[in-house]
C-alpha atoms as a PDB file:
ATOM      1  CA  UNK A   1     -31.275 188.660 135.869  1.00  0.00           C
ATOM      2  CA  UNK A   2     -27.778 187.488 136.680  1.00  0.00           C
ATOM      3  CA  UNK A   3     -27.380 186.433 140.293  1.00  0.00           C
ATOM      4  CA  UNK A   4     -24.819 184.667 142.371  1.00  0.00           C
ATOM      5  CA  UNK A   5     -24.431 183.132 145.777  1.00  0.00           C
ATOM      6  CA  UNK A   6     -23.718 185.741 148.453  1.00  0.00           C
ATOM      7  CA  UNK A   7     -20.122 185.902 149.771  1.00  0.00           C
ATOM      8  CA  UNK A   8     -21.265 184.894 153.248  1.00  0.00           C
ATOM      9  CA  UNK A   9     -24.381 183.377 154.757  1.00  0.00           C
ATOM     10  CA  UNK A  10     -26.736 186.151 155.809  1.00  0.00           C
ATOM     11  CA  UNK A  11     -29.627 185.139 158.025  1.00  0.00           C
ATOM     12  CA  UNK A  12     -32.076 186.929 160.255  1.00  0.00           C
ATOM     13  CA  UNK A  13     -34.618 185.656 162.767  1.00  0.00           C
ATOM     14  CA  UNK A  14     -37.489 186.915 164.889  1.00  0.00           C
ATOM     15  CA  UNK A  15     -39.301 185.196 167.724  1.00  0.00           C
ATOM     16  CA  UNK A  16     -42.656 186.682 168.678  1.00  0.00           C
ATOM     17  CA  UNK A  17     -45.916 185.862 170.412  1.00  0.00           C
ATOM     18  CA  UNK A  18     -49.195 186.272 168.558  1.00  0.00           C
ATOM     19  CA  UNK A  19     -51.380 188.303 170.912  1.00  0.00           C
ATOM     20  CA  UNK A  20     -55.137 188.611 171.169  1.00  0.00           C
ATOM     21  CA  UNK A  21     -54.728 191.955 169.348  1.00  0.00           C
ATOM     22  CA  UNK A  22     -53.344 190.014 166.354  1.00  0.00           C
ATOM     23  CA  UNK A  23     -56.348 187.671 166.231  1.00  0.00           C
ATOM     24  CA  UNK A  24     -58.676 188.566 163.381  1.00  0.00           C
ATOM     25  CA  UNK A  25     -61.054 185.648 163.007  1.00  0.00           C
ATOM     26  CA  UNK A  26     -63.236 183.389 165.155  1.00  0.00           C
ATOM     27  CA  UNK A  27     -61.371 181.095 167.512  1.00  0.00           C
ATOM     28  CA  UNK A  28     -58.595 183.689 168.006  1.00  0.00           C
ATOM     29  CA  UNK A  29     -57.221 182.819 164.547  1.00  0.00           C
ATOM     30  CA  UNK A  30     -54.462 185.142 163.298  1.00  0.00           C
ATOM     31  CA  UNK A  31     -54.520 186.012 159.591  1.00  0.00           C
ATOM     32  CA  UNK A  32     -51.712 185.054 157.224  1.00  0.00           C
ATOM     33  CA  UNK A  33     -50.816 188.705 156.681  1.00  0.00           C
ATOM     34  CA  UNK A  34     -49.403 188.726 160.223  1.00  0.00           C
ATOM     35  CA  UNK A  35     -46.761 186.173 159.190  1.00  0.00           C
ATOM     36  CA  UNK A  36     -46.038 188.117 155.991  1.00  0.00           C
ATOM     37  CA  UNK A  37     -45.396 191.169 158.186  1.00  0.00           C
ATOM     38  CA  UNK A  38     -42.705 189.175 159.992  1.00  0.00           C
ATOM     39  CA  UNK A  39     -41.218 188.142 156.650  1.00  0.00           C
ATOM     40  CA  UNK A  40     -41.181 191.792 155.545  1.00  0.00           C
ATOM     41  CA  UNK A  41     -39.269 192.817 158.679  1.00  0.00           C
ATOM     42  CA  UNK A  42     -36.767 190.016 158.078  1.00  0.00           C
ATOM     43  CA  UNK A  43     -36.295 191.091 154.448  1.00  0.00           C
ATOM     44  CA  UNK A  44     -35.533 194.600 155.688  1.00  0.00           C
ATOM     45  CA  UNK A  45     -32.898 193.285 158.108  1.00  0.00           C
ATOM     46  CA  UNK A  46     -31.310 191.073 155.430  1.00  0.00           C
ATOM     47  CA  UNK A  47     -31.110 194.090 153.087  1.00  0.00           C
ATOM     48  CA  UNK A  48     -29.468 196.222 155.759  1.00  0.00           C
ATOM     49  CA  UNK A  49     -26.976 193.470 156.595  1.00  0.00           C
ATOM     50  CA  UNK A  50     -26.093 192.932 152.921  1.00  0.00           C
ATOM     51  CA  UNK A  51     -26.338 196.454 151.494  1.00  0.00           C
ATOM     52  CA  UNK A  52     -26.631 198.924 154.369  1.00  0.00           C
ATOM     53  CA  UNK A  53     -30.083 199.939 153.091  1.00  0.00           C
ATOM     54  CA  UNK A  54     -33.627 198.685 153.674  1.00  0.00           C
ATOM     55  CA  UNK A  55     -34.298 198.197 149.978  1.00  0.00           C
ATOM     56  CA  UNK A  56     -37.782 197.692 148.535  1.00  0.00           C
ATOM     57  CA  UNK A  57     -39.683 194.407 148.677  1.00  0.00           C
ATOM     58  CA  UNK A  58     -40.544 193.790 145.012  1.00  0.00           C
ATOM     59  CA  UNK A  59     -42.534 190.535 145.109  1.00  0.00           C
ATOM     60  CA  UNK A  60     -43.152 187.183 146.674  1.00  0.00           C
ATOM     61  CA  UNK A  61     -42.542 184.409 144.158  1.00  0.00           C
ATOM     62  CA  UNK A  62     -44.160 181.782 146.355  1.00  0.00           C
ATOM     63  CA  UNK A  63     -46.103 181.729 149.628  1.00  0.00           C
ATOM     64  CA  UNK A  64     -47.400 178.645 151.428  1.00  0.00           C
ATOM     65  CA  UNK A  65     -49.501 178.742 154.585  1.00  0.00           C
ATOM     66  CA  UNK A  66     -49.076 175.351 156.237  1.00  0.00           C
ATOM     67  CA  UNK A  67     -50.763 175.578 159.653  1.00  0.00           C
ATOM     68  CA  UNK A  68     -52.908 178.075 161.568  1.00  0.00           C
ATOM     69  CA  UNK A  69     -51.632 180.566 164.147  1.00  0.00           C
ATOM     70  CA  UNK A  70     -53.836 181.535 167.090  1.00  0.00           C
ATOM     71  CA  UNK A  71     -53.444 184.096 169.853  1.00  0.00           C
ATOM     72  CA  UNK A  72     -50.967 182.831 172.430  1.00  0.00           C
ATOM     73  CA  UNK A  73     -48.749 180.959 169.946  1.00  0.00           C
ATOM     74  CA  UNK A  74     -45.017 181.738 169.864  1.00  0.00           C
ATOM     75  CA  UNK A  75     -43.613 181.866 166.341  1.00  0.00           C
ATOM     76  CA  UNK A  76     -40.037 181.925 165.104  1.00  0.00           C
ATOM     77  CA  UNK A  77     -39.548 183.347 161.612  1.00  0.00           C
ATOM     78  CA  UNK A  78     -36.256 183.059 159.744  1.00  0.00           C
ATOM     79  CA  UNK A  79     -34.909 184.441 156.490  1.00  0.00           C
ATOM     80  CA  UNK A  80     -31.844 183.505 154.466  1.00  0.00           C
ATOM     81  CA  UNK A  81     -30.296 185.401 151.564  1.00  0.00           C
ATOM     82  CA  UNK A  82     -29.920 182.780 148.824  1.00  0.00           C
ATOM     83  CA  UNK A  83     -28.698 184.857 145.875  1.00  0.00           C
ATOM     84  CA  UNK A  84     -27.726 188.406 145.014  1.00  0.00           C
ATOM     85  CA  UNK A  85     -27.728 190.106 141.630  1.00  0.00           C
ATOM     86  CA  UNK A  86     -26.675 193.650 140.758  1.00  0.00           C
ATOM     87  CA  UNK A  87     -29.709 195.157 142.513  1.00  0.00           C
ATOM     88  CA  UNK A  88     -31.968 192.213 143.382  1.00  0.00           C
ATOM     89  CA  UNK A  89     -31.737 189.930 146.393  1.00  0.00           C
ATOM     90  CA  UNK A  90     -33.535 186.560 146.575  1.00  0.00           C
ATOM     91  CA  UNK A  91     -34.593 185.611 150.099  1.00  0.00           C
ATOM     92  CA  UNK A  92     -36.178 182.438 151.462  1.00  0.00           C
ATOM     93  CA  UNK A  93     -38.422 182.569 154.535  1.00  0.00           C
ATOM     94  CA  UNK A  94     -39.785 180.020 156.987  1.00  0.00           C
ATOM     95  CA  UNK A  95     -41.980 180.427 160.065  1.00  0.00           C
ATOM     96  CA  UNK A  96     -42.524 177.776 162.716  1.00  0.00           C
ATOM     97  CA  UNK A  97     -44.746 177.527 165.758  1.00  0.00           C
ATOM     98  CA  UNK A  98     -42.516 176.891 168.799  1.00  0.00           C
ATOM     99  CA  UNK A  99     -45.059 177.113 171.633  1.00  0.00           C
ATOM    100  CA  UNK A 100     -48.817 176.871 171.334  1.00  0.00           C
ATOM    101  CA  UNK A 101     -51.599 178.081 173.537  1.00  0.00           C
ATOM    102  CA  UNK A 102     -53.360 175.309 175.450  1.00  0.00           C
ATOM    103  CA  UNK A 103     -56.761 176.796 176.368  1.00  0.00           C
ATOM    104  CA  UNK A 104     -58.246 173.339 177.007  1.00  0.00           C
ATOM    105  CA  UNK A 105     -56.024 173.073 180.086  1.00  0.00           C
ATOM    106  CA  UNK A 106     -56.415 176.705 181.238  1.00  0.00           C
ATOM    107  CA  UNK A 107     -56.651 180.205 179.753  1.00  0.00           C
ATOM    108  CA  UNK A 108     -52.989 180.873 180.587  1.00  0.00           C
ATOM    109  CA  UNK A 109     -51.567 177.443 179.640  1.00  0.00           C
ATOM    110  CA  UNK A 110     -49.172 176.762 176.799  1.00  0.00           C
ATOM    111  CA  UNK A 111     -46.987 173.891 175.658  1.00  0.00           C
ATOM    112  CA  UNK A 112     -43.721 173.409 173.794  1.00  0.00           C
ATOM    113  CA  UNK A 113     -43.971 171.975 170.278  1.00  0.00           C
ATOM    114  CA  UNK A 114     -41.031 169.664 169.618  1.00  0.00           C
ATOM    115  CA  UNK A 115     -40.166 169.566 166.827  1.00  0.00           C
ATOM    116  CA  UNK A 116     -41.521 173.005 165.883  1.00  0.00           C
ATOM    117  CA  UNK A 117     -44.515 173.044 163.522  1.00  0.00           C
ATOM    118  CA  UNK A 118     -43.936 174.755 160.134  1.00  0.00           C
ATOM    119  CA  UNK A 119     -46.662 177.356 159.592  1.00  0.00           C
ATOM    120  CA  UNK A 120     -45.471 179.226 156.478  1.00  0.00           C
ATOM    121  CA  UNK A 121     -42.799 179.232 153.777  1.00  0.00           C
ATOM    122  CA  UNK A 122     -42.092 181.834 151.151  1.00  0.00           C
ATOM    123  CA  UNK A 123     -39.513 183.206 148.769  1.00  0.00           C
ATOM    124  CA  UNK A 124     -39.272 186.767 147.594  1.00  0.00           C
ATOM    125  CA  UNK A 125     -37.160 189.421 145.952  1.00  0.00           C
ATOM    126  CA  UNK A 126     -35.899 192.662 147.437  1.00  0.00           C
ATOM    127  CA  UNK A 127     -34.428 195.381 145.230  1.00  0.00           C
ATOM    128  CA  UNK A 128     -31.734 197.768 146.457  1.00  0.00           C
ATOM    129  CA  UNK A 129     -30.881 200.524 143.944  1.00  0.00           C
ATOM    130  CA  UNK A 130     -27.129 200.691 143.253  1.00  0.00           C
ATOM    131  CA  UNK A 131     -26.822 204.255 144.541  1.00  0.00           C
ATOM    132  CA  UNK A 132     -28.108 203.094 147.955  1.00  0.00           C
ATOM    133  CA  UNK A 133     -25.795 200.106 148.326  1.00  0.00           C
ATOM    134  CA  UNK A 134     -22.970 200.578 150.800  1.00  0.00           C
ATOM    135  CA  UNK A 135     -21.679 197.026 150.916  1.00  0.00           C
ATOM    136  CA  UNK A 136     -23.263 196.080 154.218  1.00  0.00           C
ATOM    137  CA  UNK A 137     -24.109 197.528 157.551  1.00  0.00           C
ATOM    138  CA  UNK A 138     -21.656 199.334 159.787  1.00  0.00           C
ATOM    139  CA  UNK A 139     -21.366 197.913 163.297  1.00  0.00           C
ATOM    140  CA  UNK A 140     -22.437 200.175 166.125  1.00  0.00           C
ATOM    141  CA  UNK A 141     -21.333 199.338 169.637  1.00  0.00           C
ATOM    142  CA  UNK A 142     -23.471 199.804 172.731  1.00  0.00           C
ATOM    143  CA  UNK A 143     -23.221 203.378 173.921  1.00  0.00           C
ATOM    144  CA  UNK A 144     -22.553 204.844 170.471  1.00  0.00           C
ATOM    145  CA  UNK A 145     -25.189 207.351 169.431  1.00  0.00           C
ATOM    146  CA  UNK A 146     -24.465 207.189 165.692  1.00  0.00           C
END
């Protein structure tokens, strides 16, 4: 697979709160699939920004879960396009905990984590068939319907 550096830096980011609905295990622990869902959404945005199409997530080459996420944590996930071939796009992902729940203090307490705590890293490949590539997204201004 021949790939090259993209012409411009393409990044995407999401900042979300893990809710009690996201908790799957004892102690309000959120499963790793929740973070992978964020990475999938970021891959979709990167594909749209680069090719004007969502593409298809082919595979993760590497996934590391570095710290737990619990209900009440605020997580920022980021993705960067690192190389682009004819149809494949290599993307690197990172997720960090920015704010954590602090139930020891009170049920509604939280605290800032500075510096943010890395919770997951991954790299993956998205494929965008040539016939679906439009060379990037078209800007739409507020008020435009299409």
